[in-house]
């Protein structure tokens, strides 16, 4: 009777016949599949990432989508934008600028151009630009610094 446990122990300790090997290089670590474009909208007073099927897009194209506001399905899920309707934004991989001299006519008159953005609107732009740039460069969103007019550089994490 005592042979059975001893046999089981020896079988468990026996190697399977595969010898040890050295470290084998396999290239870069997996980063995951980035599908579409990430835009940042506001939901319940916080920034939330939304995936759109377009893309991946350049930062300027992603900001154009963001400026178009949430889709009807996104609105049903309580997503909103804090970007002013009459804002004109120029964006690239490194940052954005407000076109202060551009405004859209509303009711036959031109409203004053936007010169300042709320913290949440700034966060929407920073995070959307960072997401587009990160997808292009194959890095994490929070590794991208975006230049904010009159404020220096910011990361998406600064607005969460």
Protein backbone atom coordinates (compact mmCIF):
# COMPACT_ATOMS: atom_id res chain seq x y z
CA UNK A 1 0.00 0.00 0.00
CA UNK A 2 2.84 2.40 0.69
CA UNK A 3 4.30 1.92 -2.80
CA UNK A 4 1.38 3.75 -4.48
CA UNK A 5 2.05 7.20 -2.88
CA UNK A 6 5.79 6.81 -3.46
CA UNK A 7 5.21 5.94 -7.13
CA UNK A 8 2.91 8.94 -7.53
CA UNK A 9 5.51 11.23 -5.95
CA UNK A 10 8.27 9.94 -8.23
CA UNK A 11 6.06 10.36 -11.30
CA UNK A 12 5.27 13.95 -10.33
CA UNK A 13 8.95 14.77 -9.88
CA UNK A 14 10.05 13.21 -13.18
CA UNK A 15 10.83 15.63 -16.01
CA UNK A 16 8.78 15.46 -19.17
CA UNK A 17 11.85 15.16 -21.35
CA UNK A 18 12.14 18.81 -22.41
CA UNK A 19 15.48 20.31 -21.57
CA UNK A 20 16.00 23.89 -20.36
CA UNK A 21 16.73 26.61 -22.92
CA UNK A 22 18.08 30.11 -22.78
CA UNK A 23 16.02 33.28 -23.26
CA UNK A 24 14.57 33.56 -26.77
CA UNK A 25 13.84 37.07 -28.07
CA UNK A 26 10.37 37.53 -29.54
CA UNK A 27 10.30 41.23 -30.46
CA UNK A 28 8.16 44.00 -29.03
CA UNK A 29 5.49 43.24 -26.42
CA UNK A 30 1.91 43.10 -27.64
CA UNK A 31 0.08 46.44 -27.49
CA UNK A 32 -3.39 45.26 -28.41
CA UNK A 33 -5.50 46.00 -31.43
CA UNK A 34 -6.53 49.62 -31.82
CA UNK A 35 -9.70 49.79 -33.82
CA UNK A 36 -11.17 53.02 -35.10
CA UNK A 37 -10.70 56.35 -33.37
CA UNK A 38 -11.11 57.31 -29.72
CA UNK A 39 -12.97 60.54 -29.00
CA UNK A 40 -13.52 61.98 -25.54
CA UNK A 41 -16.93 63.25 -24.51
CA UNK A 42 -18.41 64.17 -21.16
CA UNK A 43 -20.72 61.78 -19.33
CA UNK A 44 -21.95 62.63 -15.83
CA UNK A 45 -19.30 65.38 -15.48
CA UNK A 46 -16.32 63.22 -16.35
CA UNK A 47 -14.35 62.51 -19.52
CA UNK A 48 -15.17 59.20 -21.16
CA UNK A 49 -13.56 57.61 -24.20
CA UNK A 50 -15.89 56.70 -27.08
CA UNK A 51 -14.84 54.50 -29.98
CA UNK A 52 -15.81 55.52 -33.49
CA UNK A 53 -15.35 53.17 -36.46
CA UNK A 54 -13.61 55.82 -38.58
CA UNK A 55 -9.88 55.66 -38.58
CA UNK A 56 -7.40 55.49 -37.24
CA UNK A 57 -7.34 59.20 -38.00
CA UNK A 58 -4.85 62.04 -37.76
CA UNK A 59 -5.29 64.32 -34.74
CA UNK A 60 -6.87 67.10 -36.83
CA UNK A 61 -9.43 64.69 -38.31
CA UNK A 62 -10.28 63.30 -34.86
CA UNK A 63 -10.83 66.85 -33.57
CA UNK A 64 -13.19 67.50 -36.50
CA UNK A 65 -15.24 64.46 -35.47
CA UNK A 66 -15.18 65.66 -31.86
CA UNK A 67 -16.36 69.13 -32.91
CA UNK A 68 -19.33 67.45 -34.65
CA UNK A 69 -20.53 66.36 -31.23
CA UNK A 70 -21.96 63.07 -30.04
CA UNK A 71 -24.00 60.85 -32.37
CA UNK A 72 -27.66 60.20 -31.59
CA UNK A 73 -26.73 56.87 -29.97
CA UNK A 74 -24.08 58.59 -27.86
CA UNK A 75 -26.61 61.25 -26.83
CA UNK A 76 -28.97 58.46 -25.71
CA UNK A 77 -26.16 57.24 -23.44
CA UNK A 78 -25.84 60.76 -21.92
CA UNK A 79 -22.64 61.75 -23.73
CA UNK A 80 -22.24 65.47 -24.35
CA UNK A 81 -19.60 67.94 -25.41
CA UNK A 82 -18.37 71.01 -23.60
CA UNK A 83 -16.79 72.48 -26.73
CA UNK A 84 -18.49 75.79 -27.62
CA UNK A 85 -20.52 75.63 -30.82
CA UNK A 86 -18.71 78.55 -32.43
CA UNK A 87 -15.19 77.35 -31.71
CA UNK A 88 -12.73 76.76 -34.52
CA UNK A 89 -9.80 74.59 -33.50
CA UNK A 90 -6.61 73.84 -35.41
CA UNK A 91 -4.98 70.62 -34.22
CA UNK A 92 -1.99 68.44 -34.98
CA UNK A 93 -0.12 65.64 -33.18
CA UNK A 94 1.57 68.09 -30.81
CA UNK A 95 -1.29 70.32 -29.72
CA UNK A 96 -4.08 72.66 -30.69
CA UNK A 97 -4.83 76.34 -31.12
CA UNK A 98 -8.07 78.28 -31.16
CA UNK A 99 -8.76 80.29 -34.29
CA UNK A 100 -9.85 83.41 -32.45
CA UNK A 101 -10.86 85.35 -35.54
CA UNK A 102 -13.29 82.71 -36.83
CA UNK A 103 -16.88 82.46 -35.74
CA UNK A 104 -19.99 81.08 -37.35
CA UNK A 105 -22.99 83.35 -38.04
CA UNK A 106 -25.93 82.59 -35.75
CA UNK A 107 -29.28 84.19 -36.54
CA UNK A 108 -27.71 86.71 -38.92
CA UNK A 109 -25.09 87.90 -36.44
CA UNK A 110 -21.65 86.67 -35.50
CA UNK A 111 -21.08 85.72 -31.87
CA UNK A 112 -17.76 86.71 -30.32
CA UNK A 113 -14.98 84.23 -31.08
CA UNK A 114 -13.99 81.73 -28.41
CA UNK A 115 -10.81 82.71 -26.65
CA UNK A 116 -10.98 80.40 -23.62
CA UNK A 117 -12.17 76.87 -23.07
CA UNK A 118 -13.50 75.30 -19.90
CA UNK A 119 -11.32 72.70 -18.20
CA UNK A 120 -13.62 69.92 -19.45
CA UNK A 121 -13.54 71.20 -23.06
CA UNK A 122 -9.75 71.44 -22.89
CA UNK A 123 -9.65 67.88 -21.57
CA UNK A 124 -11.80 66.68 -24.47
CA UNK A 125 -9.33 68.16 -26.95
CA UNK A 126 -6.19 67.02 -25.12
CA UNK A 127 -7.42 63.44 -24.72
CA UNK A 128 -8.76 63.16 -28.28
CA UNK A 129 -5.49 64.49 -29.75
CA UNK A 130 -3.44 62.27 -27.43
CA UNK A 131 -5.48 59.19 -28.41
CA UNK A 132 -5.04 59.83 -32.14
CA UNK A 133 -1.32 60.53 -31.72
CA UNK A 134 -0.83 57.48 -29.46
CA UNK A 135 -2.51 55.19 -32.00
CA UNK A 136 -0.27 56.58 -34.75
CA UNK A 137 2.93 56.19 -32.69
CA UNK A 138 1.99 52.90 -31.01
CA UNK A 139 2.32 54.27 -27.47
CA UNK A 140 0.01 54.67 -24.48
CA UNK A 141 -2.36 57.68 -24.47
CA UNK A 142 -0.85 58.99 -21.23
CA UNK A 143 2.65 58.98 -22.78
CA UNK A 144 1.61 61.74 -25.20
CA UNK A 145 1.96 65.40 -24.19
CA UNK A 146 -0.29 67.91 -25.94
CA UNK A 147 0.44 71.65 -26.10
CA UNK A 148 -2.45 73.71 -24.70
CA UNK A 149 -2.61 77.41 -25.67
CA UNK A 150 -1.36 79.67 -22.86
CA UNK A 151 -0.95 76.68 -20.49
CA UNK A 152 1.97 74.59 -21.71
CA UNK A 153 1.80 70.84 -22.09
CA UNK A 154 -0.76 68.44 -20.66
CA UNK A 155 -1.48 64.73 -20.67
CA UNK A 156 -4.91 63.10 -20.82
CA UNK A 157 -4.40 61.83 -17.26
CA UNK A 158 -4.35 65.46 -16.08
CA UNK A 159 -8.07 65.69 -16.86
CA UNK A 160 -9.34 62.44 -15.38
